[in-house]
Amino acid sequence: WHFFVSMSRDHAITPTAEHFMCMIDLLGRAGQLEEAENLVKNMPFRPYTAVWMNLLGACRIHRDVERGAHAAESIFELDPKNASPYVLLSNIFAAAGKWDDATKVRRVMKNKGVKKQPGCSYIEVKKRVHEFVAGDALHPQKEDIYAELQRLSRQMEESGYLPDTKAVLRDAKEVNKERILCYHSEKLAIAF
């Protein structure tokens, strides 16, 4: 806060929307969600989608259901075809065990024709770009990649790491939930 306040107070620098967004992101990551929300509400600009997305992401991390729902509603008004707030809100509800609410959000998303694009990751190795999507089964080296992920997963587990499976498909078995988390595109790219 000190440096943010100091910009205008001590240096006559008027904070831009980007400065506010960075401050909201920092407060949110630090778990100071009430302060972050107050800053959103009191900005001298109309909050735009990315500002609310910062707050919504922080609400997911810190499992603040009520504030997350409010942030998502604000995004729905600004950008109704953006799939991200629907997915994040559904995940917030799922992590809180509010499966009916999570299902309802997904249903609204489907009824409005909002589609989530699959996440993909790219990595360049020896001047060749490789693309990965979650659960990728098409890569020519998939067996090696999946074996490396299994090795890394075992190593992390032996070190005490436990994956957070609370927001993953309520009807899936725990082992399947861990597998779903294991095969994200970023992890596939790293294992490659």
C-alpha atoms as a PDB file:
ATOM      1  CA  TRP A   1       0.000   0.000   0.000  1.00  0.00           C
ATOM      2  CA  HIS A   2       2.752   2.411   0.923  1.00  0.00           C
ATOM      3  CA  PHE A   3       4.172   2.746  -2.597  1.00  0.00           C
ATOM      4  CA  PHE A   4       0.751   2.852  -4.236  1.00  0.00           C
ATOM      5  CA  VAL A   5      -0.382   5.697  -1.957  1.00  0.00           C
ATOM      6  CA  SER A   6       3.018   7.354  -2.252  1.00  0.00           C
ATOM      7  CA  MET A   7       2.652   7.677  -6.039  1.00  0.00           C
ATOM      8  CA  SER A   8       0.053  10.416  -5.793  1.00  0.00           C
ATOM      9  CA  ARG A   9       0.796  11.762  -2.307  1.00  0.00           C
ATOM     10  CA  ASP A  10       4.572  12.139  -2.597  1.00  0.00           C
ATOM     11  CA  HIS A  11       5.293  12.133  -6.325  1.00  0.00           C
ATOM     12  CA  ALA A  12       2.203  13.683  -7.940  1.00  0.00           C
ATOM     13  CA  ILE A  13       1.748  10.584 -10.134  1.00  0.00           C
ATOM     14  CA  THR A  14      -1.861   9.759 -10.804  1.00  0.00           C
ATOM     15  CA  PRO A  15      -2.319   5.977 -10.713  1.00  0.00           C
ATOM     16  CA  THR A  16      -3.640   4.536 -13.972  1.00  0.00           C
ATOM     17  CA  ALA A  17      -6.150   1.727 -14.330  1.00  0.00           C
ATOM     18  CA  GLU A  18      -3.200  -0.651 -14.701  1.00  0.00           C
ATOM     19  CA  HIS A  19      -1.746   0.513 -11.372  1.00  0.00           C
ATOM     20  CA  PHE A  20      -5.091  -0.166  -9.700  1.00  0.00           C
ATOM     21  CA  MET A  21      -5.293  -3.580 -11.353  1.00  0.00           C
ATOM     22  CA  CYS A  22      -1.804  -4.512 -10.121  1.00  0.00           C
ATOM     23  CA  MET A  23      -2.672  -3.391  -6.593  1.00  0.00           C
ATOM     24  CA  ILE A  24      -5.911  -5.392  -6.661  1.00  0.00           C
ATOM     25  CA  ASP A  25      -3.960  -8.419  -7.853  1.00  0.00           C
ATOM     26  CA  LEU A  26      -1.383  -8.017  -5.052  1.00  0.00           C
ATOM     27  CA  LEU A  27      -4.035  -7.598  -2.375  1.00  0.00           C
ATOM     28  CA  GLY A  28      -5.952 -10.575  -3.717  1.00  0.00           C
ATOM     29  CA  ARG A  29      -2.900 -12.831  -3.791  1.00  0.00           C
ATOM     30  CA  ALA A  30      -2.123 -11.788  -0.212  1.00  0.00           C
ATOM     31  CA  GLY A  31      -5.628 -12.832   0.844  1.00  0.00           C
ATOM     32  CA  GLN A  32      -6.730  -9.274   1.566  1.00  0.00           C
ATOM     33  CA  LEU A  33      -9.921  -9.745  -0.437  1.00  0.00           C
ATOM     34  CA  GLU A  34     -12.020  -7.150   1.345  1.00  0.00           C
ATOM     35  CA  GLU A  35      -9.370  -4.495   0.676  1.00  0.00           C
ATOM     36  CA  ALA A  36      -9.076  -5.632  -2.948  1.00  0.00           C
ATOM     37  CA  GLU A  37     -12.851  -5.453  -3.430  1.00  0.00           C
ATOM     38  CA  ASN A  38     -13.010  -2.011  -1.822  1.00  0.00           C
ATOM     39  CA  LEU A  39     -10.310  -0.798  -4.190  1.00  0.00           C
ATOM     40  CA  VAL A  40     -12.301  -2.157  -7.156  1.00  0.00           C
ATOM     41  CA  LYS A  41     -15.431  -0.369  -5.960  1.00  0.00           C
ATOM     42  CA  ASN A  42     -13.630   2.909  -5.257  1.00  0.00           C
ATOM     43  CA  MET A  43     -11.418   3.172  -8.334  1.00  0.00           C
ATOM     44  CA  PRO A  44     -11.818   6.433 -10.248  1.00  0.00           C
ATOM     45  CA  PHE A  45     -12.494   4.268 -13.329  1.00  0.00           C
ATOM     46  CA  ARG A  46     -15.287   1.896 -14.172  1.00  0.00           C
ATOM     47  CA  PRO A  47     -13.864  -1.565 -13.369  1.00  0.00           C
ATOM     48  CA  TYR A  48     -13.313  -3.582 -16.509  1.00  0.00           C
ATOM     49  CA  THR A  49     -13.303  -7.350 -17.000  1.00  0.00           C
ATOM     50  CA  ALA A  50      -9.620  -7.929 -16.174  1.00  0.00           C
ATOM     51  CA  VAL A  51      -9.981  -6.090 -12.844  1.00  0.00           C
ATOM     52  CA  TRP A  52     -12.904  -8.278 -11.804  1.00  0.00           C
ATOM     53  CA  MET A  53     -11.082 -11.383 -13.106  1.00  0.00           C
ATOM     54  CA  ASN A  54      -8.164 -10.580 -10.775  1.00  0.00           C
ATOM     55  CA  LEU A  55     -10.544 -10.464  -7.837  1.00  0.00           C
ATOM     56  CA  LEU A  56     -12.370 -13.608  -8.970  1.00  0.00           C
ATOM     57  CA  GLY A  57      -9.091 -15.508  -9.303  1.00  0.00           C
ATOM     58  CA  ALA A  58      -8.101 -14.459  -5.786  1.00  0.00           C
ATOM     59  CA  CYS A  59     -11.498 -15.591  -4.505  1.00  0.00           C
ATOM     60  CA  ARG A  60     -10.872 -19.008  -6.035  1.00  0.00           C
ATOM     61  CA  ILE A  61      -7.448 -19.272  -4.398  1.00  0.00           C
ATOM     62  CA  HIS A  62      -8.756 -18.157  -1.002  1.00  0.00           C
ATOM     63  CA  ARG A  63     -12.162 -19.900  -1.372  1.00  0.00           C
ATOM     64  CA  ASP A  64     -14.297 -16.824  -0.841  1.00  0.00           C
ATOM     65  CA  VAL A  65     -17.589 -18.003  -2.324  1.00  0.00           C
ATOM     66  CA  GLU A  66     -19.732 -14.923  -1.717  1.00  0.00           C
ATOM     67  CA  ARG A  67     -17.213 -12.377  -2.985  1.00  0.00           C
ATOM     68  CA  GLY A  68     -16.364 -14.666  -5.910  1.00  0.00           C
ATOM     69  CA  ALA A  69     -20.017 -14.869  -6.932  1.00  0.00           C
ATOM     70  CA  HIS A  70     -20.274 -11.078  -6.847  1.00  0.00           C
ATOM     71  CA  ALA A  71     -17.117 -10.658  -8.951  1.00  0.00           C
ATOM     72  CA  ALA A  72     -18.383 -13.238 -11.467  1.00  0.00           C
ATOM     73  CA  GLU A  73     -21.759 -11.487 -11.761  1.00  0.00           C
ATOM     74  CA  SER A  74     -19.956  -8.231 -12.516  1.00  0.00           C
ATOM     75  CA  ILE A  75     -17.995  -9.959 -15.288  1.00  0.00           C
ATOM     76  CA  PHE A  76     -21.131 -11.578 -16.719  1.00  0.00           C
ATOM     77  CA  GLU A  77     -22.596  -8.073 -17.145  1.00  0.00           C
ATOM     78  CA  LEU A  78     -19.458  -6.752 -18.868  1.00  0.00           C
ATOM     79  CA  ASP A  79     -18.518  -9.783 -20.960  1.00  0.00           C
ATOM     80  CA  PRO A  80     -21.347 -12.355 -21.079  1.00  0.00           C
ATOM     81  CA  LYS A  81     -19.616 -14.632 -23.622  1.00  0.00           C
ATOM     82  CA  ASN A  82     -16.375 -14.961 -21.641  1.00  0.00           C
ATOM     83  CA  ALA A  83     -16.184 -18.572 -20.395  1.00  0.00           C
ATOM     84  CA  SER A  84     -13.520 -17.924 -17.744  1.00  0.00           C
ATOM     85  CA  PRO A  85     -15.749 -16.441 -15.010  1.00  0.00           C
ATOM     86  CA  TYR A  86     -18.258 -19.273 -15.414  1.00  0.00           C
ATOM     87  CA  VAL A  87     -15.520 -21.878 -15.033  1.00  0.00           C
ATOM     88  CA  LEU A  88     -13.879 -20.107 -12.083  1.00  0.00           C
ATOM     89  CA  LEU A  89     -17.188 -19.605 -10.286  1.00  0.00           C
ATOM     90  CA  SER A  90     -18.145 -23.227 -10.880  1.00  0.00           C
ATOM     91  CA  ASN A  91     -14.775 -24.284  -9.448  1.00  0.00           C
ATOM     92  CA  ILE A  92     -15.240 -22.020  -6.412  1.00  0.00           C
ATOM     93  CA  PHE A  93     -18.620 -23.614  -5.722  1.00  0.00           C
ATOM     94  CA  ALA A  94     -17.227 -27.122  -6.274  1.00  0.00           C
ATOM     95  CA  ALA A  95     -14.287 -26.544  -3.920  1.00  0.00           C
ATOM     96  CA  ALA A  96     -16.773 -25.391  -1.266  1.00  0.00           C
ATOM     97  CA  GLY A  97     -18.839 -28.547  -1.789  1.00  0.00           C
ATOM     98  CA  LYS A  98     -21.695 -26.550  -3.338  1.00  0.00           C
ATOM     99  CA  TRP A  99     -22.162 -28.999  -6.187  1.00  0.00           C
ATOM    100  CA  ASP A 100     -25.700 -27.895  -7.061  1.00  0.00           C
ATOM    101  CA  ASP A 101     -24.499 -24.315  -7.503  1.00  0.00           C
ATOM    102  CA  ALA A 102     -21.503 -25.498  -9.555  1.00  0.00           C
ATOM    103  CA  THR A 103     -23.807 -27.514 -11.814  1.00  0.00           C
ATOM    104  CA  LYS A 104     -26.187 -24.571 -12.127  1.00  0.00           C
ATOM    105  CA  VAL A 105     -23.361 -22.279 -13.309  1.00  0.00           C
ATOM    106  CA  ARG A 106     -22.285 -24.852 -15.914  1.00  0.00           C
ATOM    107  CA  ARG A 107     -25.903 -25.212 -17.058  1.00  0.00           C
ATOM    108  CA  VAL A 108     -26.295 -21.427 -17.439  1.00  0.00           C
ATOM    109  CA  MET A 109     -23.053 -21.371 -19.391  1.00  0.00           C
ATOM    110  CA  LYS A 110     -24.336 -24.084 -21.726  1.00  0.00           C
ATOM    111  CA  ASN A 111     -27.763 -22.456 -22.133  1.00  0.00           C
ATOM    112  CA  LYS A 112     -26.124 -19.163 -23.104  1.00  0.00           C
ATOM    113  CA  GLY A 113     -23.930 -20.927 -25.654  1.00  0.00           C
ATOM    114  CA  VAL A 114     -20.713 -20.014 -23.848  1.00  0.00           C
ATOM    115  CA  LYS A 115     -17.975 -22.519 -24.633  1.00  0.00           C
ATOM    116  CA  LYS A 116     -14.679 -22.986 -22.846  1.00  0.00           C
ATOM    117  CA  GLN A 117     -11.720 -23.286 -25.169  1.00  0.00           C
ATOM    118  CA  PRO A 118      -9.386 -26.080 -24.148  1.00  0.00           C
ATOM    119  CA  GLY A 119      -6.194 -24.834 -22.577  1.00  0.00           C
ATOM    120  CA  CYS A 120      -3.060 -25.427 -24.561  1.00  0.00           C
ATOM    121  CA  SER A 121       0.612 -24.912 -23.880  1.00  0.00           C
ATOM    122  CA  TYR A 122       3.526 -24.477 -26.226  1.00  0.00           C
ATOM    123  CA  ILE A 123       7.172 -25.280 -25.734  1.00  0.00           C
ATOM    124  CA  GLU A 124      10.050 -24.795 -28.135  1.00  0.00           C
ATOM    125  CA  VAL A 125      12.727 -27.485 -28.152  1.00  0.00           C
ATOM    126  CA  LYS A 126      15.575 -27.436 -30.660  1.00  0.00           C
ATOM    127  CA  LYS A 127      13.854 -24.729 -32.739  1.00  0.00           C
ATOM    128  CA  ARG A 128      10.668 -26.806 -33.037  1.00  0.00           C
ATOM    129  CA  VAL A 129       7.419 -25.734 -31.352  1.00  0.00           C
ATOM    130  CA  HIS A 130       5.364 -28.442 -29.657  1.00  0.00           C
ATOM    131  CA  GLU A 131       1.729 -27.903 -28.661  1.00  0.00           C
ATOM    132  CA  PHE A 132      -0.012 -29.701 -25.811  1.00  0.00           C
ATOM    133  CA  VAL A 133      -3.646 -29.791 -24.709  1.00  0.00           C
ATOM    134  CA  ALA A 134      -4.987 -31.319 -21.515  1.00  0.00           C
ATOM    135  CA  GLY A 135      -5.060 -35.107 -21.729  1.00  0.00           C
ATOM    136  CA  ASP A 136      -3.130 -34.970 -25.017  1.00  0.00           C
ATOM    137  CA  ALA A 137      -3.056 -38.426 -26.596  1.00  0.00           C
ATOM    138  CA  LEU A 138      -1.802 -37.374 -30.033  1.00  0.00           C
ATOM    139  CA  HIS A 139       1.805 -36.413 -29.372  1.00  0.00           C
ATOM    140  CA  PRO A 140       4.178 -38.953 -30.939  1.00  0.00           C
ATOM    141  CA  GLN A 141       6.118 -39.189 -27.648  1.00  0.00           C
ATOM    142  CA  LYS A 142       3.049 -39.460 -25.408  1.00  0.00           C
ATOM    143  CA  GLU A 143       4.193 -42.671 -23.683  1.00  0.00           C
ATOM    144  CA  ASP A 144       7.500 -41.070 -22.643  1.00  0.00           C
ATOM    145  CA  ILE A 145       5.748 -37.872 -21.551  1.00  0.00           C
ATOM    146  CA  TYR A 146       3.159 -39.712 -19.469  1.00  0.00           C
ATOM    147  CA  ALA A 147       5.863 -41.930 -17.918  1.00  0.00           C
ATOM    148  CA  GLU A 148       7.825 -38.816 -16.912  1.00  0.00           C
ATOM    149  CA  LEU A 149       4.687 -37.268 -15.399  1.00  0.00           C
ATOM    150  CA  GLN A 150       4.089 -40.443 -13.406  1.00  0.00           C
ATOM    151  CA  ARG A 151       7.689 -40.387 -12.175  1.00  0.00           C
ATOM    152  CA  LEU A 152       7.406 -36.723 -11.156  1.00  0.00           C
ATOM    153  CA  SER A 153       4.030 -37.341  -9.491  1.00  0.00           C
ATOM    154  CA  ARG A 154       5.455 -40.196  -7.417  1.00  0.00           C
ATOM    155  CA  GLN A 155       8.434 -38.050  -6.443  1.00  0.00           C
ATOM    156  CA  MET A 156       6.179 -35.159  -5.382  1.00  0.00           C
ATOM    157  CA  GLU A 157       3.920 -37.518  -3.445  1.00  0.00           C
ATOM    158  CA  GLU A 158       6.935 -38.994  -1.623  1.00  0.00           C
ATOM    159  CA  SER A 159       7.921 -35.435  -0.701  1.00  0.00           C
ATOM    160  CA  GLY A 160       4.506 -34.833   0.852  1.00  0.00           C
ATOM    161  CA  TYR A 161       2.641 -33.109  -1.985  1.00  0.00           C
ATOM    162  CA  LEU A 162      -1.084 -33.819  -2.154  1.00  0.00           C
ATOM    163  CA  PRO A 163      -3.056 -32.497  -5.155  1.00  0.00           C
ATOM    164  CA  ASP A 164      -6.097 -30.357  -4.351  1.00  0.00           C
ATOM    165  CA  THR A 165      -8.931 -32.324  -5.944  1.00  0.00           C
ATOM    166  CA  LYS A 166     -11.860 -30.531  -4.287  1.00  0.00           C
ATOM    167  CA  ALA A 167     -12.967 -28.731  -7.454  1.00  0.00           C
ATOM    168  CA  VAL A 168     -12.649 -31.707  -9.809  1.00  0.00           C
ATOM    169  CA  LEU A 169     -15.768 -33.601 -10.912  1.00  0.00           C
ATOM    170  CA  ARG A 170     -17.673 -34.693  -7.827  1.00  0.00           C
ATOM    171  CA  ASP A 171     -18.570 -38.097  -9.237  1.00  0.00           C
ATOM    172  CA  ALA A 172     -15.032 -39.037 -10.238  1.00  0.00           C
ATOM    173  CA  LYS A 173     -13.029 -41.350  -8.005  1.00  0.00           C
ATOM    174  CA  GLU A 174     -10.120 -39.732  -6.168  1.00  0.00           C
ATOM    175  CA  VAL A 175      -7.532 -41.532  -8.338  1.00  0.00           C
ATOM    176  CA  ASN A 176      -9.253 -40.239 -11.492  1.00  0.00           C
ATOM    177  CA  LYS A 177      -9.370 -36.717 -10.069  1.00  0.00           C
ATOM    178  CA  GLU A 178      -5.614 -36.819  -9.499  1.00  0.00           C
ATOM    179  CA  ARG A 179      -5.097 -38.110 -13.047  1.00  0.00           C
ATOM    180  CA  ILE A 180      -7.209 -35.253 -14.450  1.00  0.00           C
ATOM    181  CA  LEU A 181      -5.045 -32.739 -12.593  1.00  0.00           C
ATOM    182  CA  CYS A 182      -1.844 -34.497 -13.631  1.00  0.00           C
ATOM    183  CA  TYR A 183      -2.445 -34.233 -17.378  1.00  0.00           C
ATOM    184  CA  HIS A 184      -2.915 -30.468 -17.729  1.00  0.00           C
ATOM    185  CA  SER A 185      -1.254 -29.011 -20.801  1.00  0.00           C
ATOM    186  CA  GLU A 186       1.402 -27.167 -18.795  1.00  0.00           C
ATOM    187  CA  LYS A 187       2.470 -30.343 -17.037  1.00  0.00           C
ATOM    188  CA  LEU A 188       2.629 -32.247 -20.316  1.00  0.00           C
ATOM    189  CA  ALA A 189       4.858 -29.543 -21.804  1.00  0.00           C
ATOM    190  CA  ILE A 190       7.172 -29.573 -18.789  1.00  0.00           C
ATOM    191  CA  ALA A 191       7.443 -33.363 -18.825  1.00  0.00           C
ATOM    192  CA  PHE A 192       8.336 -33.231 -22.519  1.00  0.00           C
END
